[in-house]
Amino acid sequence: MESAPASGSVRPGDQLELSVTGLNHRGDGVARLPTGQVCFVPSALPGETVRVRLVHAARRHWLAELVAVVQATGERCRPPCILAERCGGCSLQHWQPGAQASWKQQLVANALERIGQLAHEVRPILAAPAPLGYRNRAVIPLQRDEAGRFRAGYYRRGSHRIVNMNQCPVLDPRLDALIAPLKRDLDASGWPASPDASGPGGLRHLALRLGAGTGELLITLISSHDQLPGLEVLARRWMERWPELVGVCLNLQPLATNTLMGERTHTVTGRGWLQERFAGLRLRIAADTFFQVNTAQAERVVPLLSQALEHRRADRPAGRLIDAYCGIGTYSLPLARDGWQVRGLERNPVAVRLARLNGADNGLGDRCRFEAVDVDAVLPSLLPGSAVLFVDPPRKGLEPATLAAILASPPPTLLYLSCDPATLARDLRQLTEQGGYGVESVQPIDFFPQTSHVETLAVLNRGTQ
């Protein structure tokens, strides 16, 4: 075995024995090389001694691959998925769920302190009751190689190479059961497939969606074109095979980009939406609209929002609450049910149409107004006089224009649901330093067991520090 290099230099291919002191935000083990440089090691855990092979030197750190665990932590466990070491869909299956949750809580606390310059206490994380079988949606890359072999699976971490799979334990079992038979049918179809729309184009992804509370299923094929002979026949066959299947859709994404779905979705057979039961409400969810992938954990946010607004009870009869990034009304409708007049803003017109239908279906149409607008463009005119602003932005956090609008006319209460601790901490720093807000509470919620992602609800009020 190759010996460790001298402490003065290291190079790709060198093998070293390292002590892992923590994890980075991606879930990679963090260690120090003899040179003092930081080294990231996927699949290594805090407290372990590992043997690694150096792979690549980035500007500020090294990347390495795990060769062997010399001394394991007692929190290491056998991954429930046989593809865990190769598939990039999950990064923490080798760590016990309780340890994952504790680390995610500390991840939020560290981000607040280091990035947000905030020393606020973080509430104990709301761990997921089901660490497996929780996902209500999957978007699976598809590929047919030069020999014609059909593959479906997530990418190997750090690459665009598909790890072929027939099952995925983090998916709800009702979705998981569809993967193998759908793969067989898509293979037999003879249709070309490439996830990046290269070559002749064709199928790119298979999207599966489940109403966790209703059992309804929706299948969507994402393709670069609609030249898929026999699609209607195959779709009808699927509808006959699975009684829970309410529709089969075709989404066209001809652009060679990382955007998964295109702007046009065609319903091949059945209907283009499924129904979900959520927090005592009925929601229509389409193939191409956003909905949290963990229904049970998303429901736990609803009472948190109600509790956060309890002190503003007197504002409810006429008080206006703005829900930016409202989607299909997931949280707008429970807030309207609580008595608020809700103004929902959303860029996706399909989501807005469904939000209006969801409001009417639940008898809340008179308390909700949903608009297909650019949030940055309309927020400055809506914030003055509003009692509450609820934001649930994408991973990149609030856009500078959105943040500027809030700082110019800060509502008394701000509820911020985040899927990235770093961008949350960045935005909270500006809101507290420039907007006069005090942080009332920070509640992490584990929506994504087996991964490094964590959701966080921050409650801010003006005039409290």
Protein backbone atom coordinates (compact mmCIF):
# COMPACT_ATOMS: atom_id res chain seq x y z
CA MET A 1 0.00 0.00 0.00
CA GLU A 2 1.25 3.45 -0.87
CA SER A 3 2.52 5.33 2.15
CA ALA A 4 1.31 8.78 3.13
CA PRO A 5 3.22 11.61 1.45
CA ALA A 6 5.46 13.98 3.31
CA SER A 7 3.66 16.86 5.00
CA GLY A 8 5.04 19.41 2.55
CA SER A 9 2.93 18.41 -0.47
CA VAL A 10 0.15 16.17 -1.69
CA ARG A 11 -1.02 15.18 -5.14
CA PRO A 12 -3.96 13.39 -6.78
CA GLY A 13 -3.82 9.66 -6.18
CA ASP A 14 -2.14 9.92 -2.80
CA GLN A 15 -3.68 7.80 -0.05
CA LEU A 16 -3.82 9.16 3.48
CA GLU A 17 -5.37 8.31 6.82
CA LEU A 18 -7.43 11.24 8.10
CA SER A 19 -9.59 12.15 11.10
CA VAL A 20 -13.05 13.44 10.20
CA THR A 21 -14.12 16.39 12.35
CA GLY A 22 -17.46 17.37 10.81
CA LEU A 23 -19.62 17.57 7.69
CA ASN A 24 -19.99 20.34 5.12
CA HIS A 25 -23.40 21.55 3.95
CA ARG A 26 -23.51 18.80 1.30
CA GLY A 27 -23.02 16.04 3.88
CA ASP A 28 -19.38 15.32 2.98
CA GLY A 29 -16.94 14.50 5.77
CA VAL A 30 -14.51 17.32 6.59
CA ALA A 31 -10.88 16.55 7.45
CA ARG A 32 -7.48 18.26 7.37
CA LEU A 33 -4.58 17.12 5.22
CA PRO A 34 -0.99 17.08 6.59
CA THR A 35 -0.54 20.32 4.63
CA GLY A 36 -3.31 21.97 6.66
CA GLN A 37 -5.67 22.09 3.69
CA VAL A 38 -9.33 21.15 4.08
CA CYS A 39 -10.39 17.89 2.47
CA PHE A 40 -13.98 16.79 1.72
CA VAL A 41 -14.74 13.07 1.80
CA PRO A 42 -18.19 11.80 0.72
CA SER A 43 -19.62 9.00 2.94
CA ALA A 44 -17.27 9.80 5.86
CA LEU A 45 -18.80 10.74 9.22
CA PRO A 46 -17.72 12.95 12.13
CA GLY A 47 -15.53 11.16 14.67
CA GLU A 48 -14.27 8.57 12.18
CA THR A 49 -10.76 7.73 11.07
CA VAL A 50 -10.77 7.00 7.34
CA ARG A 51 -8.37 6.12 4.58
CA VAL A 52 -8.90 8.25 1.48
CA ARG A 53 -7.53 8.71 -2.02
CA LEU A 54 -7.07 12.31 -3.12
CA VAL A 55 -8.96 13.03 -6.33
CA HIS A 56 -8.94 16.71 -7.15
CA ALA A 57 -7.60 20.00 -5.80
CA ALA A 58 -10.13 22.84 -5.89
CA ARG A 59 -9.18 26.44 -5.16
CA ARG A 60 -9.64 26.22 -1.40
CA HIS A 61 -9.95 22.51 -0.64
CA TRP A 62 -9.27 18.99 -1.81
CA LEU A 63 -11.82 16.36 -2.85
CA ALA A 64 -11.15 12.74 -1.94
CA GLU A 65 -12.84 9.37 -2.23
CA LEU A 66 -13.33 7.03 0.70
CA VAL A 67 -11.13 3.94 0.48
CA ALA A 68 -11.86 2.42 3.89
CA VAL A 69 -13.28 3.28 7.29
CA VAL A 70 -10.44 2.57 9.71
CA GLN A 71 -12.42 3.42 12.85
CA ALA A 72 -16.19 3.90 12.50
CA THR A 73 -18.49 5.97 14.65
CA GLY A 74 -21.24 4.16 16.52
CA GLU A 75 -23.75 6.23 14.52
CA ARG A 76 -22.80 4.60 11.22
CA CYS A 77 -25.40 2.19 9.88
CA ARG A 78 -25.95 -0.01 6.87
CA PRO A 79 -27.64 1.99 4.08
CA PRO A 80 -31.15 0.72 3.31
CA CYS A 81 -30.51 1.15 -0.44
CA ILE A 82 -28.10 -1.14 -2.30
CA LEU A 83 -27.18 1.79 -4.59
CA ALA A 84 -26.47 4.27 -1.80
CA GLU A 85 -22.70 4.36 -2.37
CA ARG A 86 -23.11 5.14 -6.07
CA CYS A 87 -26.39 7.05 -6.43
CA GLY A 88 -26.33 10.80 -5.84
CA GLY A 89 -29.97 11.00 -4.77
CA CYS A 90 -29.14 10.57 -1.07
CA SER A 91 -25.96 11.49 0.79
CA LEU A 92 -26.60 10.37 4.39
CA GLN A 93 -28.12 6.88 4.27
CA HIS A 94 -25.08 5.52 6.11
CA TRP A 95 -25.88 7.69 9.18
CA GLN A 96 -28.53 6.92 11.77
CA PRO A 97 -31.66 9.11 11.34
CA GLY A 98 -31.39 10.64 14.81
CA ALA A 99 -27.81 11.73 14.16
CA GLN A 100 -28.85 13.22 10.81
CA ALA A 101 -31.56 15.30 12.47
CA SER A 102 -29.24 16.57 15.21
CA TRP A 103 -26.66 17.61 12.64
CA LYS A 104 -29.28 19.47 10.60
CA GLN A 105 -30.35 21.44 13.66
CA GLN A 106 -26.72 22.42 14.26
CA LEU A 107 -26.34 23.26 10.56
CA VAL A 108 -29.10 25.87 10.92
CA ALA A 109 -27.60 27.24 14.14
CA ASN A 110 -24.13 27.52 12.58
CA ALA A 111 -25.49 29.35 9.52
CA LEU A 112 -27.33 31.87 11.69
CA GLU A 113 -24.23 32.53 13.75
CA ARG A 114 -21.59 32.62 11.02
CA ILE A 115 -23.52 34.09 8.08
CA GLY A 116 -26.38 35.89 9.80
CA GLN A 117 -24.37 37.15 12.77
CA LEU A 118 -27.33 36.07 14.91
CA ALA A 119 -27.04 34.29 18.25
CA HIS A 120 -30.71 33.33 18.40
CA GLU A 121 -31.60 29.96 19.89
CA VAL A 122 -32.75 27.34 17.40
CA ARG A 123 -35.70 25.20 18.47
CA PRO A 124 -35.31 21.41 18.53
CA ILE A 125 -35.74 20.07 15.02
CA LEU A 126 -39.03 18.43 14.07
CA ALA A 127 -37.63 15.09 12.94
CA ALA A 128 -39.44 13.11 10.28
CA PRO A 129 -41.48 10.20 11.70
CA ALA A 130 -40.73 8.20 8.53
CA PRO A 131 -37.05 8.34 7.45
CA LEU A 132 -37.90 6.22 4.39
CA GLY A 133 -40.85 6.01 2.02
CA TYR A 134 -41.78 9.67 2.45
CA ARG A 135 -41.35 11.24 -0.99
CA ASN A 136 -44.57 11.94 -2.91
CA ARG A 137 -42.75 12.89 -6.12
CA ALA A 138 -39.86 11.64 -8.23
CA VAL A 139 -38.27 13.00 -11.42
CA ILE A 140 -36.05 10.25 -12.82
CA PRO A 141 -33.54 10.80 -15.67
CA LEU A 142 -33.88 8.43 -18.64
CA GLN A 143 -31.28 7.30 -21.15
CA ARG A 144 -30.80 4.82 -23.98
CA ASP A 145 -27.13 4.08 -24.69
CA GLU A 146 -25.50 3.47 -28.06
CA ALA A 147 -26.28 -0.23 -27.80
CA GLY A 148 -29.96 0.57 -27.25
CA ARG A 149 -30.01 -0.38 -23.56
CA PHE A 150 -32.52 1.61 -21.55
CA ARG A 151 -31.57 3.09 -18.20
CA ALA A 152 -33.50 5.01 -15.56
CA GLY A 153 -32.03 6.33 -12.34
CA TYR A 154 -30.49 9.26 -10.54
CA TYR A 155 -27.07 10.62 -11.36
CA ARG A 156 -23.90 9.39 -9.72
CA ARG A 157 -22.79 12.14 -7.38
CA GLY A 158 -20.79 14.87 -9.11
CA SER A 159 -21.47 13.48 -12.58
CA HIS A 160 -24.09 13.07 -15.29
CA ARG A 161 -23.77 9.28 -15.34
CA ILE A 162 -27.04 7.54 -14.55
CA VAL A 163 -27.03 4.84 -11.86
CA ASN A 164 -29.58 2.37 -13.18
CA MET A 165 -32.25 1.48 -10.59
CA ASN A 166 -35.48 -0.46 -10.21
CA GLN A 167 -36.47 0.83 -6.78
CA CYS A 168 -35.84 3.73 -4.44
CA PRO A 169 -36.53 3.36 -0.68
CA VAL A 170 -37.09 7.06 -0.01
CA LEU A 171 -40.07 7.08 -2.38
CA ASP A 172 -43.52 6.33 -1.06
CA PRO A 173 -43.99 2.59 -1.73
CA ARG A 174 -46.95 3.39 -4.00
CA LEU A 175 -44.58 5.27 -6.31
CA ASP A 176 -41.70 2.87 -5.85
CA ALA A 177 -43.83 0.03 -7.19
CA LEU A 178 -44.23 1.84 -10.53
CA ILE A 179 -40.55 2.18 -11.44
CA ALA A 180 -39.72 -1.33 -12.67
CA PRO A 181 -42.87 -1.90 -14.79
CA LEU A 182 -42.67 1.58 -16.29
CA LYS A 183 -39.03 1.02 -17.19
CA ARG A 184 -39.96 -2.20 -19.00
CA ASP A 185 -42.69 -0.48 -20.98
CA LEU A 186 -40.54 2.52 -21.91
CA ASP A 187 -37.72 0.20 -22.97
CA ALA A 188 -40.12 -1.83 -25.14
CA SER A 189 -41.46 1.34 -26.76
CA GLY A 190 -38.21 1.84 -28.66
CA TRP A 191 -38.39 5.60 -28.08
CA PRO A 192 -35.03 7.40 -27.93
CA ALA A 193 -34.06 8.77 -24.52
CA SER A 194 -31.44 11.22 -23.31
CA PRO A 195 -31.76 13.41 -20.20
CA ASP A 196 -29.84 16.30 -21.78
CA ALA A 197 -31.76 16.32 -25.10
CA SER A 198 -28.63 15.30 -27.02
CA GLY A 199 -28.63 13.29 -30.23
CA PRO A 200 -32.08 12.67 -31.67
CA GLY A 201 -33.75 13.84 -28.47
CA GLY A 202 -36.79 12.06 -27.13
CA LEU A 203 -37.57 11.09 -23.55
CA ARG A 204 -35.67 13.01 -20.88
CA HIS A 205 -37.28 12.26 -17.51
CA LEU A 206 -40.03 10.19 -15.94
CA ALA A 207 -42.01 12.21 -13.36
CA LEU A 208 -44.19 10.41 -10.82
CA ARG A 209 -46.51 12.17 -8.38
CA LEU A 210 -48.70 10.83 -5.55
CA GLY A 211 -51.46 12.27 -3.43
CA ALA A 212 -50.24 10.85 -0.13
CA GLY A 213 -53.62 11.31 1.53
CA THR A 214 -55.76 10.13 -1.38
CA GLY A 215 -53.60 7.52 -3.13
CA GLU A 216 -54.13 9.18 -6.53
CA LEU A 217 -51.22 8.83 -8.98
CA LEU A 218 -50.04 10.94 -11.90
CA ILE A 219 -47.45 9.91 -14.51
CA THR A 220 -45.70 12.51 -16.65
CA LEU A 221 -43.20 11.85 -19.43
CA ILE A 222 -40.82 14.74 -20.06
CA SER A 223 -39.59 14.75 -23.65
CA SER A 224 -37.79 17.05 -26.06
CA HIS A 225 -40.48 16.37 -28.69
CA ASP A 226 -43.90 14.75 -29.05
CA GLN A 227 -42.96 12.17 -31.70
CA LEU A 228 -43.62 9.17 -29.47
CA PRO A 229 -45.68 6.72 -31.56
CA GLY A 230 -48.04 4.58 -29.53
CA LEU A 231 -48.03 6.90 -26.50
CA GLU A 232 -51.84 7.12 -26.31
CA VAL A 233 -52.21 3.33 -26.40
CA LEU A 234 -49.54 2.86 -23.72
CA ALA A 235 -51.10 5.57 -21.54
CA ARG A 236 -54.51 3.90 -21.68
CA ARG A 237 -52.90 0.58 -20.80
CA TRP A 238 -51.33 2.17 -17.72
CA MET A 239 -54.69 3.61 -16.68
CA GLU A 240 -56.23 0.13 -16.91
CA ARG A 241 -53.35 -1.50 -15.02
CA TRP A 242 -53.35 0.92 -12.07
CA PRO A 243 -56.83 2.03 -10.89
CA GLU A 244 -55.23 4.72 -8.69
CA LEU A 245 -53.72 6.39 -11.78
CA VAL A 246 -55.83 9.44 -12.64
CA GLY A 247 -53.85 10.74 -15.60
CA VAL A 248 -50.86 10.50 -17.93
CA CYS A 249 -49.24 13.71 -19.19
CA LEU A 250 -46.54 14.70 -21.65
CA ASN A 251 -44.37 17.71 -20.85
CA LEU A 252 -42.25 19.19 -23.66
CA GLN A 253 -38.79 20.45 -22.72
CA PRO A 254 -36.82 20.95 -25.96
CA LEU A 255 -34.20 23.28 -24.47
CA ALA A 256 -30.76 21.93 -23.61
CA THR A 257 -30.82 23.34 -20.07
CA ASN A 258 -30.95 22.00 -16.51
CA THR A 259 -34.59 23.09 -16.19
CA LEU A 260 -36.47 19.83 -15.73
CA MET A 261 -39.86 20.75 -17.18
CA GLY A 262 -40.86 22.92 -20.11
CA GLU A 263 -43.72 25.39 -20.33
CA ARG A 264 -46.14 23.10 -22.20
CA THR A 265 -47.83 20.08 -20.63
CA HIS A 266 -50.35 17.99 -22.57
CA THR A 267 -52.75 15.56 -20.91
CA VAL A 268 -52.53 12.32 -22.89
CA THR A 269 -55.35 10.58 -21.04
CA GLY A 270 -57.31 11.06 -17.83
CA ARG A 271 -56.74 14.39 -16.09
CA GLY A 272 -53.65 16.50 -15.64
CA TRP A 273 -53.94 16.89 -11.89
CA LEU A 274 -54.41 14.75 -8.81
CA GLN A 275 -56.17 15.53 -5.58
CA GLU A 276 -54.42 15.61 -2.22
CA ARG A 277 -55.75 15.91 1.33
CA PHE A 278 -53.63 18.43 3.18
CA ALA A 279 -54.26 19.88 6.66
CA GLY A 280 -57.97 19.18 6.40
CA LEU A 281 -58.23 20.74 2.92
CA ARG A 282 -58.58 19.33 -0.59
CA LEU A 283 -55.87 20.44 -3.03
CA ARG A 284 -55.51 19.95 -6.76
CA ILE A 285 -51.86 19.44 -7.76
CA ALA A 286 -50.80 19.38 -11.42
CA ALA A 287 -47.88 17.60 -13.04
CA ASP A 288 -45.93 20.85 -13.46
CA THR A 289 -46.74 22.72 -10.23
CA PHE A 290 -44.74 22.81 -7.01
CA PHE A 291 -45.80 20.96 -3.88
CA GLN A 292 -43.62 19.91 -0.96
CA VAL A 293 -42.32 16.35 -1.44
CA ASN A 294 -42.97 15.33 2.18
CA THR A 295 -46.69 15.78 2.79
CA ALA A 296 -46.64 14.79 6.47
CA GLN A 297 -43.84 17.21 7.37
CA ALA A 298 -45.34 20.01 5.26
CA GLU A 299 -48.55 19.67 7.28
CA ARG A 300 -46.60 20.33 10.48
CA VAL A 301 -45.87 23.85 9.23
CA VAL A 302 -49.57 24.80 9.34
CA PRO A 303 -49.96 24.91 13.15
CA LEU A 304 -46.60 26.67 13.41
CA LEU A 305 -47.92 29.47 11.19
CA SER A 306 -51.10 29.72 13.26
CA GLN A 307 -49.13 29.90 16.50
CA ALA A 308 -46.80 32.54 15.09
CA LEU A 309 -49.77 34.78 14.22
CA GLU A 310 -51.73 34.23 17.44
CA HIS A 311 -50.61 37.63 18.77
CA ARG A 312 -52.11 39.30 15.70
CA ARG A 313 -55.59 37.82 16.24
CA ALA A 314 -57.22 41.29 16.23
CA ASP A 315 -55.90 41.92 12.71
CA ARG A 316 -57.56 38.89 11.15
CA PRO A 317 -61.06 40.09 10.19
CA ALA A 318 -59.72 42.76 7.83
CA GLY A 319 -55.97 42.26 8.06
CA ARG A 320 -54.21 41.56 4.80
CA LEU A 321 -51.69 38.76 4.61
CA ILE A 322 -49.47 38.48 1.52
CA ASP A 323 -48.28 35.02 0.52
CA ALA A 324 -45.41 35.50 -1.91
CA TYR A 325 -44.50 32.39 -3.94
CA CYS A 326 -47.92 30.97 -3.04
CA GLY A 327 -47.94 28.09 -5.55
CA ILE A 328 -51.25 26.21 -5.54
CA GLY A 329 -52.27 27.81 -2.23
CA THR A 330 -50.64 25.19 0.01
CA TYR A 331 -50.30 27.60 2.93
CA SER A 332 -52.53 30.44 1.71
CA LEU A 333 -55.65 28.36 2.24
CA PRO A 334 -54.96 27.27 5.84
CA LEU A 335 -54.18 30.91 6.67
CA ALA A 336 -57.43 32.03 5.03
CA ARG A 337 -59.24 29.39 7.05
CA ASP A 338 -57.72 31.02 10.15
CA GLY A 339 -59.52 34.24 9.20
CA TRP A 340 -56.94 36.18 7.19
CA GLN A 341 -57.58 38.00 3.93
CA VAL A 342 -54.86 36.43 1.78
CA ARG A 343 -53.27 37.87 -1.35
CA GLY A 344 -51.35 35.09 -3.07
CA LEU A 345 -48.60 35.97 -5.57
CA GLU A 346 -47.13 33.40 -7.95
CA ARG A 347 -45.32 33.54 -11.30
CA ASN A 348 -46.62 30.19 -12.62
CA PRO A 349 -50.07 30.76 -14.21
CA VAL A 350 -50.95 27.05 -13.98
CA ALA A 351 -50.35 27.13 -10.21
CA VAL A 352 -52.47 30.28 -9.88
CA ARG A 353 -55.36 28.69 -11.78
CA LEU A 354 -55.23 25.69 -9.44
CA ALA A 355 -54.93 27.94 -6.37
CA ARG A 356 -58.18 29.66 -7.38
CA LEU A 357 -59.88 26.30 -7.89
CA ASN A 358 -58.54 25.07 -4.55
CA GLY A 359 -59.93 28.16 -2.86
CA ALA A 360 -63.35 27.58 -4.38
CA ASP A 361 -63.28 23.83 -3.64
CA ASN A 362 -62.70 24.55 0.04
CA GLY A 363 -65.19 27.40 0.35
CA LEU A 364 -62.42 29.96 0.88
CA GLY A 365 -62.60 31.82 -2.41
CA ASP A 366 -63.92 34.99 -0.76
CA ARG A 367 -60.90 35.16 1.56
CA CYS A 368 -58.21 34.53 -1.06
CA ARG A 369 -57.10 36.44 -4.12
CA PHE A 370 -54.46 34.76 -6.28
CA GLU A 371 -52.53 36.57 -9.01
CA ALA A 372 -50.08 35.40 -11.68
CA VAL A 373 -47.47 38.13 -11.32
CA ASP A 374 -43.79 38.83 -10.90
CA VAL A 375 -43.39 39.10 -7.13
CA ASP A 376 -40.60 41.69 -7.42
CA ALA A 377 -42.74 43.91 -9.64
CA VAL A 378 -45.88 44.07 -7.49
CA LEU A 379 -44.64 43.66 -3.93
CA PRO A 380 -43.62 47.33 -3.42
CA SER A 381 -47.20 48.47 -4.06
CA LEU A 382 -48.81 45.78 -1.90
CA LEU A 383 -46.67 45.87 1.25
CA PRO A 384 -47.83 49.24 2.65
CA GLY A 385 -50.75 48.52 4.97
CA SER A 386 -50.19 44.75 5.02
CA ALA A 387 -50.11 43.10 8.45
CA VAL A 388 -48.20 39.94 7.55
CA LEU A 389 -45.87 38.76 4.80
CA PHE A 390 -45.24 35.04 4.29
CA VAL A 391 -42.41 34.04 1.95
CA ASP A 392 -41.40 30.57 0.78
CA PRO A 393 -38.70 31.36 -1.79
CA PRO A 394 -36.58 28.92 -3.82
CA ARG A 395 -33.21 27.72 -2.57
CA LYS A 396 -31.42 30.90 -3.63
CA GLY A 397 -33.47 32.88 -1.11
CA LEU A 398 -35.04 36.29 -1.58
CA GLU A 399 -34.16 38.23 -4.71
CA PRO A 400 -32.42 41.56 -4.03
CA ALA A 401 -35.46 43.44 -5.39
CA THR A 402 -37.80 41.52 -3.08
CA LEU A 403 -35.59 42.19 -0.08
CA ALA A 404 -35.38 45.87 -1.01
CA ALA A 405 -39.18 46.09 -1.20
CA ILE A 406 -39.54 44.54 2.25
CA LEU A 407 -36.98 46.89 3.75
CA ALA A 408 -38.71 49.89 2.16
CA SER A 409 -42.16 48.98 3.60
CA PRO A 410 -41.61 46.33 6.28
CA PRO A 411 -44.83 44.64 7.45
CA PRO A 412 -45.13 44.15 11.21
CA THR A 413 -44.76 40.35 10.97
CA LEU A 414 -42.69 38.32 8.52
CA LEU A 415 -42.84 34.53 8.21
CA TYR A 416 -39.94 33.03 6.23
CA LEU A 417 -39.99 29.35 5.21
CA SER A 418 -36.58 28.43 3.83
CA CYS A 419 -35.05 25.34 2.23
CA ASP A 420 -31.46 26.57 2.57
CA PRO A 421 -29.92 27.66 5.92
CA ALA A 422 -27.20 29.74 4.26
CA THR A 423 -29.51 31.95 2.20
CA LEU A 424 -31.94 32.19 5.12
CA ALA A 425 -29.15 33.45 7.39
CA ARG A 426 -28.00 35.92 4.74
CA ASP A 427 -31.50 37.37 4.37
CA LEU A 428 -32.20 37.44 8.11
CA ARG A 429 -29.06 39.46 8.69
CA GLN A 430 -30.31 42.21 6.37
CA LEU A 431 -33.84 42.08 7.74
CA THR A 432 -32.64 42.45 11.34
CA GLU A 433 -29.89 44.99 10.71
CA GLN A 434 -31.75 47.18 8.22
CA GLY A 435 -35.44 46.33 8.63
CA GLY A 436 -35.85 46.69 12.37
CA TYR A 437 -36.93 43.06 12.79
CA GLY A 438 -36.30 40.85 15.77
CA VAL A 439 -36.20 37.08 15.40
CA GLU A 440 -38.97 35.50 17.46
CA SER A 441 -38.29 31.85 16.64
CA VAL A 442 -36.29 29.58 14.33
CA GLN A 443 -37.79 26.12 13.80
CA PRO A 444 -35.94 23.51 11.66
CA ILE A 445 -38.10 20.77 10.13
CA ASP A 446 -36.62 17.67 8.50
CA PHE A 447 -38.48 17.38 5.20
CA PHE A 448 -35.72 15.36 3.52
CA PRO A 449 -34.31 12.45 5.58
CA GLN A 450 -31.24 10.70 4.10
CA THR A 451 -30.14 13.98 2.47
CA SER A 452 -28.33 17.08 3.71
CA HIS A 453 -31.33 19.35 3.09
CA VAL A 454 -33.39 20.92 5.87
CA GLU A 455 -36.40 23.24 5.92
CA THR A 456 -36.60 26.10 8.44
CA LEU A 457 -39.42 28.43 9.52
CA ALA A 458 -38.25 31.77 10.91
CA VAL A 459 -40.72 34.15 12.57
CA LEU A 460 -39.81 37.85 12.65
CA ASN A 461 -41.59 40.80 14.23
CA ARG A 462 -40.70 44.47 14.06
CA GLY A 463 -39.82 46.29 17.22
CA THR A 464 -38.51 43.20 19.04
CA GLN A 465 -34.81 42.46 19.34
